[in-house]
Amino acid sequence: MFSKSSRYYSQKVVDTVTKEGRTVKAVTLRRLPSVTGESTVVKGNDRLDIMAGRRYDNGAMFWHVADANTRLQANDLVKEPGRTIKVPES
């Protein structure tokens, strides 16, 4: 269902019933561990995939940065230049 690089890859998928009575697949909630990271100031052109590429040599690991800052919408982290975010070590 999810690629191996997805933050949801190892999450359990369950069947659930909507209020309309339809059965649908849903991903269980992920518990985010406490993460230490380097404080990084967002620059005007920054994108999380570029930041992850610099840090991990893999832009697809952008979700590690999003998780460290507890954001579902990862791109919200870089909308505001000058903002300080955490970039985890690994």
PDB file of N, CA and C in Angstrom:
ATOM      1  N   MET A   1       0.814  -1.191   0.000  1.00  0.00           N
ATOM      2  CA  MET A   1       0.000   0.000   0.000  1.00  0.00           C
ATOM      3  C   MET A   1       0.867   1.269   0.000  1.00  0.00           C
ATOM      4  N   PHE A   2       1.926   1.285   0.810  1.00  0.00           N
ATOM      5  CA  PHE A   2       2.836   2.424   0.884  1.00  0.00           C
ATOM      6  C   PHE A   2       4.227   1.973   0.460  1.00  0.00           C
ATOM      7  N   SER A   3       4.992   2.874  -0.148  1.00  0.00           N
ATOM      8  CA  SER A   3       6.359   2.530  -0.527  1.00  0.00           C
ATOM      9  C   SER A   3       7.219   2.412   0.734  1.00  0.00           C
ATOM     10  N   LYS A   4       8.356   1.738   0.613  1.00  0.00           N
ATOM     11  CA  LYS A   4       9.240   1.526   1.762  1.00  0.00           C
ATOM     12  C   LYS A   4       9.778   2.825   2.345  1.00  0.00           C
ATOM     13  N   SER A   5       9.814   3.900   1.546  1.00  0.00           N
ATOM     14  CA  SER A   5      10.328   5.171   2.055  1.00  0.00           C
ATOM     15  C   SER A   5       9.249   5.990   2.763  1.00  0.00           C
ATOM     16  N   SER A   6       8.009   5.509   2.762  1.00  0.00           N
ATOM     17  CA  SER A   6       6.897   6.239   3.390  1.00  0.00           C
ATOM     18  C   SER A   6       6.926   6.092   4.907  1.00  0.00           C
ATOM     19  N   ARG A   7       6.530   7.141   5.596  1.00  0.00           N
ATOM     20  CA  ARG A   7       6.456   7.058   7.052  1.00  0.00           C
ATOM     21  C   ARG A   7       5.340   6.140   7.515  1.00  0.00           C
ATOM     22  N   TYR A   8       4.464   5.734   6.612  1.00  0.00           N
ATOM     23  CA  TYR A   8       3.352   4.853   6.956  1.00  0.00           C
ATOM     24  C   TYR A   8       3.604   3.405   6.540  1.00  0.00           C
ATOM     25  N   TYR A   9       4.773   3.112   5.979  1.00  0.00           N
ATOM     26  CA  TYR A   9       5.059   1.791   5.430  1.00  0.00           C
ATOM     27  C   TYR A   9       4.802   0.667   6.424  1.00  0.00           C
ATOM     28  N   SER A  10       5.254   0.799   7.646  1.00  0.00           N
ATOM     29  CA  SER A  10       5.130  -0.295   8.615  1.00  0.00           C
ATOM     30  C   SER A  10       3.897  -0.175   9.510  1.00  0.00           C
ATOM     31  N   GLN A  11       3.053   0.820   9.242  1.00  0.00           N
ATOM     32  CA  GLN A  11       1.840   0.979  10.045  1.00  0.00           C
ATOM     33  C   GLN A  11       0.796  -0.059   9.669  1.00  0.00           C
ATOM     34  N   LYS A  12       0.100  -0.536  10.655  1.00  0.00           N
ATOM     35  CA  LYS A  12      -0.963  -1.522  10.463  1.00  0.00           C
ATOM     36  C   LYS A  12      -2.139  -0.870   9.737  1.00  0.00           C
ATOM     37  N   VAL A  13      -2.704  -1.593   8.777  1.00  0.00           N
ATOM     38  CA  VAL A  13      -3.902  -1.150   8.054  1.00  0.00           C
ATOM     39  C   VAL A  13      -5.070  -1.989   8.554  1.00  0.00           C
ATOM     40  N   VAL A  14      -6.164  -1.323   8.914  1.00  0.00           N
ATOM     41  CA  VAL A  14      -7.335  -2.014   9.461  1.00  0.00           C
ATOM     42  C   VAL A  14      -8.585  -1.651   8.661  1.00  0.00           C
ATOM     43  N   ASP A  15      -9.601  -2.490   8.767  1.00  0.00           N
ATOM     44  CA  ASP A  15     -10.911  -2.167   8.196  1.00  0.00           C
ATOM     45  C   ASP A  15     -11.706  -1.401   9.232  1.00  0.00           C
ATOM     46  N   THR A  16     -12.399  -0.376   8.787  1.00  0.00           N
ATOM     47  CA  THR A  16     -13.273   0.392   9.669  1.00  0.00           C
ATOM     48  C   THR A  16     -14.546   0.737   8.905  1.00  0.00           C
ATOM     49  N   VAL A  17     -15.595   1.030   9.630  1.00  0.00           N
ATOM     50  CA  VAL A  17     -16.888   1.324   9.011  1.00  0.00           C
ATOM     51  C   VAL A  17     -17.191   2.810   9.188  1.00  0.00           C
ATOM     52  N   THR A  18     -17.532   3.484   8.080  1.00  0.00           N
ATOM     53  CA  THR A  18     -17.886   4.896   8.134  1.00  0.00           C
ATOM     54  C   THR A  18     -19.285   5.045   8.697  1.00  0.00           C
ATOM     55  N   LYS A  19     -19.669   6.277   9.024  1.00  0.00           N
ATOM     56  CA  LYS A  19     -21.016   6.485   9.550  1.00  0.00           C
ATOM     57  C   LYS A  19     -22.097   6.205   8.512  1.00  0.00           C
ATOM     58  N   GLU A  20     -21.697   6.150   7.225  1.00  0.00           N
ATOM     59  CA  GLU A  20     -22.643   5.786   6.163  1.00  0.00           C
ATOM     60  C   GLU A  20     -22.758   4.271   6.009  1.00  0.00           C
ATOM     61  N   GLY A  21     -21.939   3.519   6.757  1.00  0.00           N
ATOM     62  CA  GLY A  21     -22.005   2.072   6.711  1.00  0.00           C
ATOM     63  C   GLY A  21     -21.040   1.414   5.731  1.00  0.00           C
ATOM     64  N   ARG A  22     -20.199   2.192   5.066  1.00  0.00           N
ATOM     65  CA  ARG A  22     -19.215   1.619   4.142  1.00  0.00           C
ATOM     66  C   ARG A  22     -17.994   1.128   4.909  1.00  0.00           C
ATOM     67  N   THR A  23     -17.438   0.004   4.491  1.00  0.00           N
ATOM     68  CA  THR A  23     -16.201  -0.501   5.074  1.00  0.00           C
ATOM     69  C   THR A  23     -15.040   0.044   4.247  1.00  0.00           C
ATOM     70  N   VAL A  24     -14.089   0.675   4.933  1.00  0.00           N
ATOM     71  CA  VAL A  24     -12.923   1.265   4.269  1.00  0.00           C
ATOM     72  C   VAL A  24     -11.663   0.847   5.018  1.00  0.00           C
ATOM     73  N   LYS A  25     -10.526   0.951   4.333  1.00  0.00           N
ATOM     74  CA  LYS A  25      -9.221   0.687   4.946  1.00  0.00           C
ATOM     75  C   LYS A  25      -8.728   1.965   5.618  1.00  0.00           C
ATOM     76  N   ALA A  26      -8.087   1.816   6.761  1.00  0.00           N
ATOM     77  CA  ALA A  26      -7.525   2.967   7.474  1.00  0.00           C
ATOM     78  C   ALA A  26      -6.178   2.568   8.066  1.00  0.00           C
ATOM     79  N   VAL A  27      -5.291   3.532   8.158  1.00  0.00           N
ATOM     80  CA  VAL A  27      -3.980   3.314   8.752  1.00  0.00           C
ATOM     81  C   VAL A  27      -4.064   3.689  10.228  1.00  0.00           C
ATOM     82  N   THR A  28      -3.509   2.843  11.083  1.00  0.00           N
ATOM     83  CA  THR A  28      -3.517   3.145  12.510  1.00  0.00           C
ATOM     84  C   THR A  28      -2.618   4.339  12.800  1.00  0.00           C
ATOM     85  N   LEU A  29      -2.857   4.996  13.926  1.00  0.00           N
ATOM     86  CA  LEU A  29      -2.049   6.155  14.309  1.00  0.00           C
ATOM     87  C   LEU A  29      -0.617   5.749  14.604  1.00  0.00           C
ATOM     88  N   ARG A  30       0.293   6.625  14.241  1.00  0.00           N
ATOM     89  CA  ARG A  30       1.705   6.422  14.562  1.00  0.00           C
ATOM     90  C   ARG A  30       2.042   7.189  15.828  1.00  0.00           C
ATOM     91  N   ARG A  31       2.754   6.569  16.703  1.00  0.00           N
ATOM     92  CA  ARG A  31       3.269   7.251  17.890  1.00  0.00           C
ATOM     93  C   ARG A  31       4.627   7.827  17.535  1.00  0.00           C
ATOM     94  N   LEU A  32       4.784   9.114  17.716  1.00  0.00           N
ATOM     95  CA  LEU A  32       6.048   9.759  17.371  1.00  0.00           C
ATOM     96  C   LEU A  32       6.987   9.754  18.566  1.00  0.00           C
ATOM     97  N   PRO A  33       8.167   9.165  18.393  1.00  0.00           N
ATOM     98  CA  PRO A  33       9.132   9.176  19.490  1.00  0.00           C
ATOM     99  C   PRO A  33       9.729  10.567  19.643  1.00  0.00           C
ATOM    100  N   SER A  34      10.222  10.836  20.835  1.00  0.00           N
ATOM    101  CA  SER A  34      10.934  12.087  21.056  1.00  0.00           C
ATOM    102  C   SER A  34      12.225  12.041  20.242  1.00  0.00           C
ATOM    103  N   VAL A  35      12.497  13.107  19.511  1.00  0.00           N
ATOM    104  CA  VAL A  35      13.649  13.134  18.613  1.00  0.00           C
ATOM    105  C   VAL A  35      14.522  14.326  18.955  1.00  0.00           C
ATOM    106  N   THR A  36      15.817  14.075  19.043  1.00  0.00           N
ATOM    107  CA  THR A  36      16.743  15.187  19.194  1.00  0.00           C
ATOM    108  C   THR A  36      17.231  15.560  17.807  1.00  0.00           C
ATOM    109  N   GLY A  37      17.537  16.791  17.639  1.00  0.00           N
ATOM    110  CA  GLY A  37      17.997  17.219  16.332  1.00  0.00           C
ATOM    111  C   GLY A  37      18.722  18.541  16.402  1.00  0.00           C
ATOM    112  N   GLU A  38      19.312  18.876  15.303  1.00  0.00           N
ATOM    113  CA  GLU A  38      20.032  20.131  15.176  1.00  0.00           C
ATOM    114  C   GLU A  38      19.048  21.228  14.805  1.00  0.00           C
ATOM    115  N   SER A  39      19.064  22.333  15.521  1.00  0.00           N
ATOM    116  CA  SER A  39      18.214  23.468  15.168  1.00  0.00           C
ATOM    117  C   SER A  39      18.728  24.082  13.877  1.00  0.00           C
ATOM    118  N   THR A  40      17.830  24.287  12.938  1.00  0.00           N
ATOM    119  CA  THR A  40      18.186  24.800  11.620  1.00  0.00           C
ATOM    120  C   THR A  40      17.237  25.928  11.256  1.00  0.00           C
ATOM    121  N   VAL A  41      17.781  27.019  10.752  1.00  0.00           N
ATOM    122  CA  VAL A  41      16.953  28.152  10.334  1.00  0.00           C
ATOM    123  C   VAL A  41      16.553  27.951   8.875  1.00  0.00           C
ATOM    124  N   VAL A  42      15.253  28.085   8.609  1.00  0.00           N
ATOM    125  CA  VAL A  42      14.722  27.934   7.255  1.00  0.00           C
ATOM    126  C   VAL A  42      15.104  29.163   6.433  1.00  0.00           C
ATOM    127  N   LYS A  43      15.683  28.902   5.263  1.00  0.00           N
ATOM    128  CA  LYS A  43      16.041  29.976   4.337  1.00  0.00           C
ATOM    129  C   LYS A  43      14.940  30.108   3.295  1.00  0.00           C
ATOM    130  N   GLY A  44      14.952  31.173   2.540  1.00  0.00           N
ATOM    131  CA  GLY A  44      13.901  31.481   1.585  1.00  0.00           C
ATOM    132  C   GLY A  44      13.582  30.411   0.568  1.00  0.00           C
ATOM    133  N   ASN A  45      14.582  29.652   0.095  1.00  0.00           N
ATOM    134  CA  ASN A  45      14.352  28.648  -0.937  1.00  0.00           C
ATOM    135  C   ASN A  45      14.264  27.237  -0.384  1.00  0.00           C
ATOM    136  N   ASP A  46      14.333  27.069   0.915  1.00  0.00           N
ATOM    137  CA  ASP A  46      14.394  25.725   1.484  1.00  0.00           C
ATOM    138  C   ASP A  46      13.126  24.927   1.224  1.00  0.00           C
ATOM    139  N   ARG A  47      13.357  23.636   0.964  1.00  0.00           N
ATOM    140  CA  ARG A  47      12.296  22.633   0.888  1.00  0.00           C
ATOM    141  C   ARG A  47      12.783  21.466   1.727  1.00  0.00           C
ATOM    142  N   LEU A  48      11.844  20.742   2.321  1.00  0.00           N
ATOM    143  CA  LEU A  48      12.250  19.644   3.195  1.00  0.00           C
ATOM    144  C   LEU A  48      13.009  18.556   2.453  1.00  0.00           C
ATOM    145  N   ASP A  49      12.652  18.284   1.202  1.00  0.00           N
ATOM    146  CA  ASP A  49      13.375  17.242   0.474  1.00  0.00           C
ATOM    147  C   ASP A  49      14.823  17.656   0.215  1.00  0.00           C
ATOM    148  N   ILE A  50      15.052  18.932  -0.019  1.00  0.00           N
ATOM    149  CA  ILE A  50      16.424  19.412  -0.220  1.00  0.00           C
ATOM    150  C   ILE A  50      17.202  19.357   1.093  1.00  0.00           C
ATOM    151  N   MET A  51      16.557  19.768   2.174  1.00  0.00           N
ATOM    152  CA  MET A  51      17.216  19.706   3.479  1.00  0.00           C
ATOM    153  C   MET A  51      17.556  18.260   3.848  1.00  0.00           C
ATOM    154  N   ALA A  52      16.629  17.339   3.578  1.00  0.00           N
ATOM    155  CA  ALA A  52      16.869  15.916   3.859  1.00  0.00           C
ATOM    156  C   ALA A  52      17.980  15.371   2.962  1.00  0.00           C
ATOM    157  N   GLY A  53      18.023  15.824   1.723  1.00  0.00           N
ATOM    158  CA  GLY A  53      19.086  15.402   0.818  1.00  0.00           C
ATOM    159  C   GLY A  53      20.453  15.809   1.335  1.00  0.00           C
ATOM    160  N   ARG A  54      20.538  17.029   1.867  1.00  0.00           N
ATOM    161  CA  ARG A  54      21.817  17.500   2.430  1.00  0.00           C
ATOM    162  C   ARG A  54      22.202  16.700   3.667  1.00  0.00           C
ATOM    163  N   ARG A  55      21.212  16.412   4.500  1.00  0.00           N
ATOM    164  CA  ARG A  55      21.479  15.767   5.792  1.00  0.00           C
ATOM    165  C   ARG A  55      21.676  14.255   5.668  1.00  0.00           C
ATOM    166  N   TYR A  56      20.791  13.598   4.887  1.00  0.00           N
ATOM    167  CA  TYR A  56      20.771  12.135   4.843  1.00  0.00           C
ATOM    168  C   TYR A  56      21.185  11.558   3.486  1.00  0.00           C
ATOM    169  N   ASP A  57      21.506  12.419   2.514  1.00  0.00           N
ATOM    170  CA  ASP A  57      21.765  11.971   1.141  1.00  0.00           C
ATOM    171  C   ASP A  57      20.556  11.250   0.553  1.00  0.00           C
ATOM    172  N   ASN A  58      19.354  11.627   1.001  1.00  0.00           N
ATOM    173  CA  ASN A  58      18.125  11.000   0.513  1.00  0.00           C
ATOM    174  C   ASN A  58      16.963  11.965   0.747  1.00  0.00           C
ATOM    175  N   GLY A  59      16.550  12.656  -0.295  1.00  0.00           N
ATOM    176  CA  GLY A  59      15.469  13.626  -0.163  1.00  0.00           C
ATOM    177  C   GLY A  59      14.145  13.027   0.247  1.00  0.00           C
ATOM    178  N   ALA A  60      13.939  11.727  -0.017  1.00  0.00           N
ATOM    179  CA  ALA A  60      12.688  11.069   0.353  1.00  0.00           C
ATOM    180  C   ALA A  60      12.532  10.938   1.868  1.00  0.00           C
ATOM    181  N   MET A  61      13.592  11.201   2.597  1.00  0.00           N
ATOM    182  CA  MET A  61      13.512  11.120   4.059  1.00  0.00           C
ATOM    183  C   MET A  61      13.048  12.428   4.690  1.00  0.00           C
ATOM    184  N   PHE A  62      12.431  13.298   3.881  1.00  0.00           N
ATOM    185  CA  PHE A  62      11.911  14.574   4.396  1.00  0.00           C
ATOM    186  C   PHE A  62      10.968  14.376   5.566  1.00  0.00           C
ATOM    187  N   TRP A  63      10.280  13.246   5.597  1.00  0.00           N
ATOM    188  CA  TRP A  63       9.303  13.015   6.657  1.00  0.00           C
ATOM    189  C   TRP A  63       9.954  12.872   8.025  1.00  0.00           C
ATOM    190  N   HIS A  64      11.254  12.544   8.085  1.00  0.00           N
ATOM    191  CA  HIS A  64      11.952  12.512   9.376  1.00  0.00           C
ATOM    192  C   HIS A  64      11.969  13.919   9.986  1.00  0.00           C
ATOM    193  N   VAL A  65      12.153  14.908   9.146  1.00  0.00           N
ATOM    194  CA  VAL A  65      12.153  16.297   9.617  1.00  0.00           C
ATOM    195  C   VAL A  65      10.744  16.680  10.063  1.00  0.00           C
ATOM    196  N   ALA A  66       9.749  16.303   9.279  1.00  0.00           N
ATOM    197  CA  ALA A  66       8.359  16.607   9.638  1.00  0.00           C
ATOM    198  C   ALA A  66       7.994  15.965  10.969  1.00  0.00           C
ATOM    199  N   ASP A  67       8.366  14.703  11.159  1.00  0.00           N
ATOM    200  CA  ASP A  67       8.075  14.010  12.417  1.00  0.00           C
ATOM    201  C   ASP A  67       8.767  14.661  13.606  1.00  0.00           C
ATOM    202  N   ALA A  68      10.005  15.092  13.421  1.00  0.00           N
ATOM    203  CA  ALA A  68      10.751  15.713  14.518  1.00  0.00           C
ATOM    204  C   ALA A  68      10.089  17.009  14.966  1.00  0.00           C
ATOM    205  N   ASN A  69       9.332  17.619  14.062  1.00  0.00           N
ATOM    206  CA  ASN A  69       8.640  18.867  14.364  1.00  0.00           C
ATOM    207  C   ASN A  69       7.141  18.667  14.490  1.00  0.00           C
ATOM    208  N   THR A  70       6.719  17.416  14.565  1.00  0.00           N
ATOM    209  CA  THR A  70       5.321  16.985  14.720  1.00  0.00           C
ATOM    210  C   THR A  70       4.361  17.711  13.777  1.00  0.00           C
ATOM    211  N   ARG A  71       4.669  17.639  12.489  1.00  0.00           N
ATOM    212  CA  ARG A  71       3.812  18.247  11.471  1.00  0.00           C
ATOM    213  C   ARG A  71       3.262  17.188  10.540  1.00  0.00           C
ATOM    214  N   LEU A  72       1.946  17.207  10.329  1.00  0.00           N
ATOM    215  CA  LEU A  72       1.350  16.329   9.323  1.00  0.00           C
ATOM    216  C   LEU A  72       1.585  16.901   7.935  1.00  0.00           C
ATOM    217  N   GLN A  73       1.421  18.194   7.793  1.00  0.00           N
ATOM    218  CA  GLN A  73       1.665  18.870   6.523  1.00  0.00           C
ATOM    219  C   GLN A  73       3.102  19.368   6.543  1.00  0.00           C
ATOM    220  N   ALA A  74       3.985  18.553   6.034  1.00  0.00           N
ATOM    221  CA  ALA A  74       5.414  18.821   6.134  1.00  0.00           C
ATOM    222  C   ALA A  74       5.820  20.161   5.545  1.00  0.00           C
ATOM    223  N   ASN A  75       5.210  20.565   4.453  1.00  0.00           N
ATOM    224  CA  ASN A  75       5.618  21.811   3.795  1.00  0.00           C
ATOM    225  C   ASN A  75       5.313  23.055   4.626  1.00  0.00           C
ATOM    226  N   ASP A  76       4.448  22.936   5.635  1.00  0.00           N
ATOM    227  CA  ASP A  76       4.194  24.069   6.531  1.00  0.00           C
ATOM    228  C   ASP A  76       5.468  24.510   7.252  1.00  0.00           C
ATOM    229  N   LEU A  77       6.398  23.575   7.441  1.00  0.00           N
ATOM    230  CA  LEU A  77       7.629  23.883   8.168  1.00  0.00           C
ATOM    231  C   LEU A  77       8.518  24.880   7.447  1.00  0.00           C
ATOM    232  N   VAL A  78       8.436  24.943   6.128  1.00  0.00           N
ATOM    233  CA  VAL A  78       9.343  25.810   5.364  1.00  0.00           C
ATOM    234  C   VAL A  78       8.630  26.985   4.708  1.00  0.00           C
ATOM    235  N   LYS A  79       7.368  27.197   5.042  1.00  0.00           N
ATOM    236  CA  LYS A  79       6.623  28.322   4.464  1.00  0.00           C
ATOM    237  C   LYS A  79       7.155  29.671   4.922  1.00  0.00           C
ATOM    238  N   GLU A  80       7.679  29.705   6.121  1.00  0.00           N
ATOM    239  CA  GLU A  80       8.089  30.965   6.738  1.00  0.00           C
ATOM    240  C   GLU A  80       9.611  31.038   6.904  1.00  0.00           C
ATOM    241  N   PRO A  81      10.321  31.741   5.997  1.00  0.00           N
ATOM    242  CA  PRO A  81      11.772  31.889   6.151  1.00  0.00           C
ATOM    243  C   PRO A  81      12.110  32.519   7.506  1.00  0.00           C
ATOM    244  N   GLY A  82      13.203  32.072   8.085  1.00  0.00           N
ATOM    245  CA  GLY A  82      13.634  32.567   9.399  1.00  0.00           C
ATOM    246  C   GLY A  82      13.163  31.710  10.535  1.00  0.00           C
ATOM    247  N   ARG A  83      12.243  30.815  10.278  1.00  0.00           N
ATOM    248  CA  ARG A  83      11.745  29.917  11.301  1.00  0.00           C
ATOM    249  C   ARG A  83      12.821  28.904  11.649  1.00  0.00           C
ATOM    250  N   THR A  84      12.911  28.517  12.926  1.00  0.00           N
ATOM    251  CA  THR A  84      13.862  27.507  13.366  1.00  0.00           C
ATOM    252  C   THR A  84      13.127  26.183  13.531  1.00  0.00           C
ATOM    253  N   ILE A  85      13.655  25.142  12.878  1.00  0.00           N
ATOM    254  CA  ILE A  85      13.081  23.801  12.992  1.00  0.00           C
ATOM    255  C   ILE A  85      14.174  22.826  13.392  1.00  0.00           C
ATOM    256  N   LYS A  86      13.759  21.642  13.868  1.00  0.00           N
ATOM    257  CA  LYS A  86      14.708  20.590  14.229  1.00  0.00           C
ATOM    258  C   LYS A  86      14.938  19.692  13.027  1.00  0.00           C
ATOM    259  N   VAL A  87      16.187  19.362  12.761  1.00  0.00           N
ATOM    260  CA  VAL A  87      16.532  18.384  11.731  1.00  0.00           C
ATOM    261  C   VAL A  87      17.248  17.247  12.472  1.00  0.00           C
ATOM    262  N   PRO A  88      16.592  16.076  12.557  1.00  0.00           N
ATOM    263  CA  PRO A  88      17.177  14.975  13.332  1.00  0.00           C
ATOM    264  C   PRO A  88      18.489  14.470  12.737  1.00  0.00           C
ATOM    265  N   GLU A  89      19.269  13.841  13.601  1.00  0.00           N
ATOM    266  CA  GLU A  89      20.565  13.320  13.182  1.00  0.00           C
ATOM    267  C   GLU A  89      20.417  12.147  12.225  1.00  0.00           C
ATOM    268  N   SER A  90      19.399  11.338  12.401  1.00  0.00           N
ATOM    269  CA  SER A  90      19.184  10.201  11.487  1.00  0.00           C
ATOM    270  C   SER A  90      17.730   9.809  11.461  1.00  0.00           C
TER     271      SER A  90
END
